[in-house]
Amino acid sequence: MAWVITRMCRDCVDQACVEVCPVDCIYTYNGSDGESFPNQLYIDPEECINCGVCEPECPWEAIFEDEQVPEMFRDDITLNARCVDAKGEFSVPEVEEKEKPSPEQIEVNKQKWGYAG
């Protein structure tokens, strides 16, 4: 089992989860194929120890345990796993302090992706 960062992270990319990960398994994409790897964070499922400390840190509520990923985000499990094969194009990001989203911003982001959560 591993945790998965879903598309609700796209273009939000709050890095609070990176800061708490004890095994540095949360990555950002540094390559040029933004079509295949959108602007979001990714969890390497082979490195994730299933501790779950990342999930409550995500202000966008974008992280789920792989078995609990909502149906509409199931493709994101594969997307996260693809970082394993392209490891050279990923790195653990330097944590940048970001302003936390308001409850309204979180709700708008969920609606954007069709998630009622």
C-alpha atoms as a PDB file:
ATOM      1  CA  MET A   1       0.000   0.000   0.000  1.00  0.00           C
ATOM      2  CA  ALA A   2       0.994   3.568  -0.602  1.00  0.00           C
ATOM      3  CA  TRP A   3      -0.499   7.007  -0.537  1.00  0.00           C
ATOM      4  CA  VAL A   4      -1.449   8.858  -3.729  1.00  0.00           C
ATOM      5  CA  ILE A   5      -1.463  12.544  -4.554  1.00  0.00           C
ATOM      6  CA  THR A   6      -4.440  13.237  -6.786  1.00  0.00           C
ATOM      7  CA  ARG A   7      -5.050  15.903  -9.386  1.00  0.00           C
ATOM      8  CA  MET A   8      -6.525  18.146  -6.681  1.00  0.00           C
ATOM      9  CA  CYS A   9      -2.867  19.105  -6.092  1.00  0.00           C
ATOM     10  CA  ARG A  10      -2.442  20.402  -9.666  1.00  0.00           C
ATOM     11  CA  ASP A  11      -1.187  23.946  -9.814  1.00  0.00           C
ATOM     12  CA  CYS A  12      -1.739  24.222  -6.044  1.00  0.00           C
ATOM     13  CA  VAL A  13       1.427  22.306  -5.059  1.00  0.00           C
ATOM     14  CA  ASP A  14       1.470  23.087  -1.366  1.00  0.00           C
ATOM     15  CA  GLN A  15       4.575  21.381   0.009  1.00  0.00           C
ATOM     16  CA  ALA A  16       3.538  20.819   3.617  1.00  0.00           C
ATOM     17  CA  CYS A  17       3.408  17.092   2.834  1.00  0.00           C
ATOM     18  CA  VAL A  18       7.021  17.146   1.633  1.00  0.00           C
ATOM     19  CA  GLU A  19       8.138  18.698   4.886  1.00  0.00           C
ATOM     20  CA  VAL A  20       6.678  15.901   7.048  1.00  0.00           C
ATOM     21  CA  CYS A  21       7.526  12.865   4.901  1.00  0.00           C
ATOM     22  CA  PRO A  22      10.043  10.788   6.885  1.00  0.00           C
ATOM     23  CA  VAL A  23      11.411   8.966   3.820  1.00  0.00           C
ATOM     24  CA  ASP A  24      11.440  11.788   1.228  1.00  0.00           C
ATOM     25  CA  CYS A  25       9.190   9.912  -1.199  1.00  0.00           C
ATOM     26  CA  ILE A  26       7.250  12.975  -2.385  1.00  0.00           C
ATOM     27  CA  TYR A  27       8.577  14.415  -5.618  1.00  0.00           C
ATOM     28  CA  THR A  28       8.141  17.203  -8.107  1.00  0.00           C
ATOM     29  CA  TYR A  29       8.625  16.758 -11.849  1.00  0.00           C
ATOM     30  CA  ASN A  30      11.569  18.633 -13.361  1.00  0.00           C
ATOM     31  CA  GLY A  31      11.268  17.448 -16.962  1.00  0.00           C
ATOM     32  CA  SER A  32       9.722  19.120 -19.977  1.00  0.00           C
ATOM     33  CA  ASP A  33       6.770  16.772 -20.598  1.00  0.00           C
ATOM     34  CA  GLY A  34       4.092  18.707 -18.734  1.00  0.00           C
ATOM     35  CA  GLU A  35       1.453  16.852 -20.728  1.00  0.00           C
ATOM     36  CA  SER A  36       2.442  13.502 -19.196  1.00  0.00           C
ATOM     37  CA  PHE A  37       3.397  14.865 -15.783  1.00  0.00           C
ATOM     38  CA  PRO A  38       1.229  17.867 -14.807  1.00  0.00           C
ATOM     39  CA  ASN A  39       2.297  20.470 -12.256  1.00  0.00           C
ATOM     40  CA  GLN A  40       1.618  18.629  -9.018  1.00  0.00           C
ATOM     41  CA  LEU A  41       3.464  16.543  -6.452  1.00  0.00           C
ATOM     42  CA  TYR A  42       3.877  12.768  -6.767  1.00  0.00           C
ATOM     43  CA  ILE A  43       4.407   9.957  -4.259  1.00  0.00           C
ATOM     44  CA  ASP A  44       6.760   7.156  -5.261  1.00  0.00           C
ATOM     45  CA  PRO A  45       4.780   4.032  -4.312  1.00  0.00           C
ATOM     46  CA  GLU A  46       7.955   1.957  -4.017  1.00  0.00           C
ATOM     47  CA  GLU A  47       9.423   4.315  -1.412  1.00  0.00           C
ATOM     48  CA  CYS A  48       6.245   5.155   0.515  1.00  0.00           C
ATOM     49  CA  ILE A  49       6.170   3.374   3.887  1.00  0.00           C
ATOM     50  CA  ASN A  50       2.423   3.963   4.305  1.00  0.00           C
ATOM     51  CA  CYS A  51       2.868   6.060   7.442  1.00  0.00           C
ATOM     52  CA  GLY A  52       0.127   8.497   6.403  1.00  0.00           C
ATOM     53  CA  VAL A  53       1.666  11.632   7.903  1.00  0.00           C
ATOM     54  CA  CYS A  54       1.363  13.445   4.570  1.00  0.00           C
ATOM     55  CA  GLU A  55      -2.422  13.182   4.279  1.00  0.00           C
ATOM     56  CA  PRO A  56      -3.488  15.514   7.112  1.00  0.00           C
ATOM     57  CA  GLU A  57      -0.832  18.063   6.103  1.00  0.00           C
ATOM     58  CA  CYS A  58      -2.294  18.643   2.631  1.00  0.00           C
ATOM     59  CA  PRO A  59      -4.480  21.754   2.844  1.00  0.00           C
ATOM     60  CA  TRP A  60      -6.042  20.879  -0.535  1.00  0.00           C
ATOM     61  CA  GLU A  61      -7.164  17.435   0.725  1.00  0.00           C
ATOM     62  CA  ALA A  62      -5.521  15.886  -2.346  1.00  0.00           C
ATOM     63  CA  ILE A  63      -3.864  12.840  -0.721  1.00  0.00           C
ATOM     64  CA  PHE A  64      -5.554   9.469  -0.314  1.00  0.00           C
ATOM     65  CA  GLU A  65      -4.500   5.952   0.605  1.00  0.00           C
ATOM     66  CA  ASP A  66      -4.321   4.025  -2.675  1.00  0.00           C
ATOM     67  CA  GLU A  67      -7.233   1.773  -1.740  1.00  0.00           C
ATOM     68  CA  GLN A  68      -9.352   4.803  -0.803  1.00  0.00           C
ATOM     69  CA  VAL A  69      -8.746   6.956  -3.891  1.00  0.00           C
ATOM     70  CA  PRO A  70     -12.151   8.124  -5.177  1.00  0.00           C
ATOM     71  CA  GLU A  71     -13.201   6.545  -8.476  1.00  0.00           C
ATOM     72  CA  MET A  72     -12.831   9.818 -10.385  1.00  0.00           C
ATOM     73  CA  PHE A  73      -9.143   9.967  -9.397  1.00  0.00           C
ATOM     74  CA  ARG A  74      -8.205   6.304  -9.981  1.00  0.00           C
ATOM     75  CA  ASP A  75      -5.957   7.284 -12.932  1.00  0.00           C
ATOM     76  CA  ASP A  76      -3.849   9.272 -10.478  1.00  0.00           C
ATOM     77  CA  ILE A  77      -2.653   6.034  -8.880  1.00  0.00           C
ATOM     78  CA  THR A  78      -0.976   5.100 -12.171  1.00  0.00           C
ATOM     79  CA  LEU A  79       0.253   8.658 -12.677  1.00  0.00           C
ATOM     80  CA  ASN A  80       2.042   8.615  -9.317  1.00  0.00           C
ATOM     81  CA  ALA A  81       3.515   5.183 -10.059  1.00  0.00           C
ATOM     82  CA  ARG A  82       4.922   6.398 -13.387  1.00  0.00           C
ATOM     83  CA  CYS A  83       7.415   8.553 -11.481  1.00  0.00           C
ATOM     84  CA  VAL A  84       9.299   5.342 -10.662  1.00  0.00           C
ATOM     85  CA  ASP A  85      10.224   4.788 -14.332  1.00  0.00           C
ATOM     86  CA  ALA A  86      11.162   8.437 -14.882  1.00  0.00           C
ATOM     87  CA  LYS A  87      13.041   8.888 -11.583  1.00  0.00           C
ATOM     88  CA  GLY A  88      15.818  10.961 -13.185  1.00  0.00           C
ATOM     89  CA  GLU A  89      13.298  13.679 -14.006  1.00  0.00           C
ATOM     90  CA  PHE A  90      11.979  13.979 -10.445  1.00  0.00           C
ATOM     91  CA  SER A  91      13.409  15.415  -7.267  1.00  0.00           C
ATOM     92  CA  VAL A  92      12.319  16.087  -3.713  1.00  0.00           C
ATOM     93  CA  PRO A  93      11.473  19.792  -3.813  1.00  0.00           C
ATOM     94  CA  GLU A  94      12.894  22.407  -1.527  1.00  0.00           C
ATOM     95  CA  VAL A  95       9.990  23.337   0.721  1.00  0.00           C
ATOM     96  CA  GLU A  96       8.639  26.803   0.032  1.00  0.00           C
ATOM     97  CA  GLU A  97       6.234  28.349   2.518  1.00  0.00           C
ATOM     98  CA  LYS A  98       2.906  28.929   0.796  1.00  0.00           C
ATOM     99  CA  GLU A  99      -0.227  30.686   1.935  1.00  0.00           C
ATOM    100  CA  LYS A 100      -2.835  28.178   3.054  1.00  0.00           C
ATOM    101  CA  PRO A 101      -6.023  28.111   1.011  1.00  0.00           C
ATOM    102  CA  SER A 102      -9.300  29.291   2.452  1.00  0.00           C
ATOM    103  CA  PRO A 103     -12.160  26.808   2.885  1.00  0.00           C
ATOM    104  CA  GLU A 104     -13.811  28.470  -0.117  1.00  0.00           C
ATOM    105  CA  GLN A 105     -10.708  27.938  -2.289  1.00  0.00           C
ATOM    106  CA  ILE A 106     -10.576  24.281  -1.253  1.00  0.00           C
ATOM    107  CA  GLU A 107     -14.240  23.837  -2.158  1.00  0.00           C
ATOM    108  CA  VAL A 108     -13.783  25.527  -5.557  1.00  0.00           C
ATOM    109  CA  ASN A 109     -10.821  23.245  -6.266  1.00  0.00           C
ATOM    110  CA  LYS A 110     -12.855  20.152  -5.351  1.00  0.00           C
ATOM    111  CA  GLN A 111     -15.717  21.301  -7.598  1.00  0.00           C
ATOM    112  CA  LYS A 112     -13.266  21.902 -10.443  1.00  0.00           C
ATOM    113  CA  TRP A 113     -12.389  18.197 -10.345  1.00  0.00           C
ATOM    114  CA  GLY A 114     -15.954  17.022  -9.674  1.00  0.00           C
ATOM    115  CA  TYR A 115     -15.228  15.802  -6.166  1.00  0.00           C
ATOM    116  CA  ALA A 116     -17.920  16.204  -3.525  1.00  0.00           C
ATOM    117  CA  GLY A 117     -15.792  14.574  -0.794  1.00  0.00           C
END
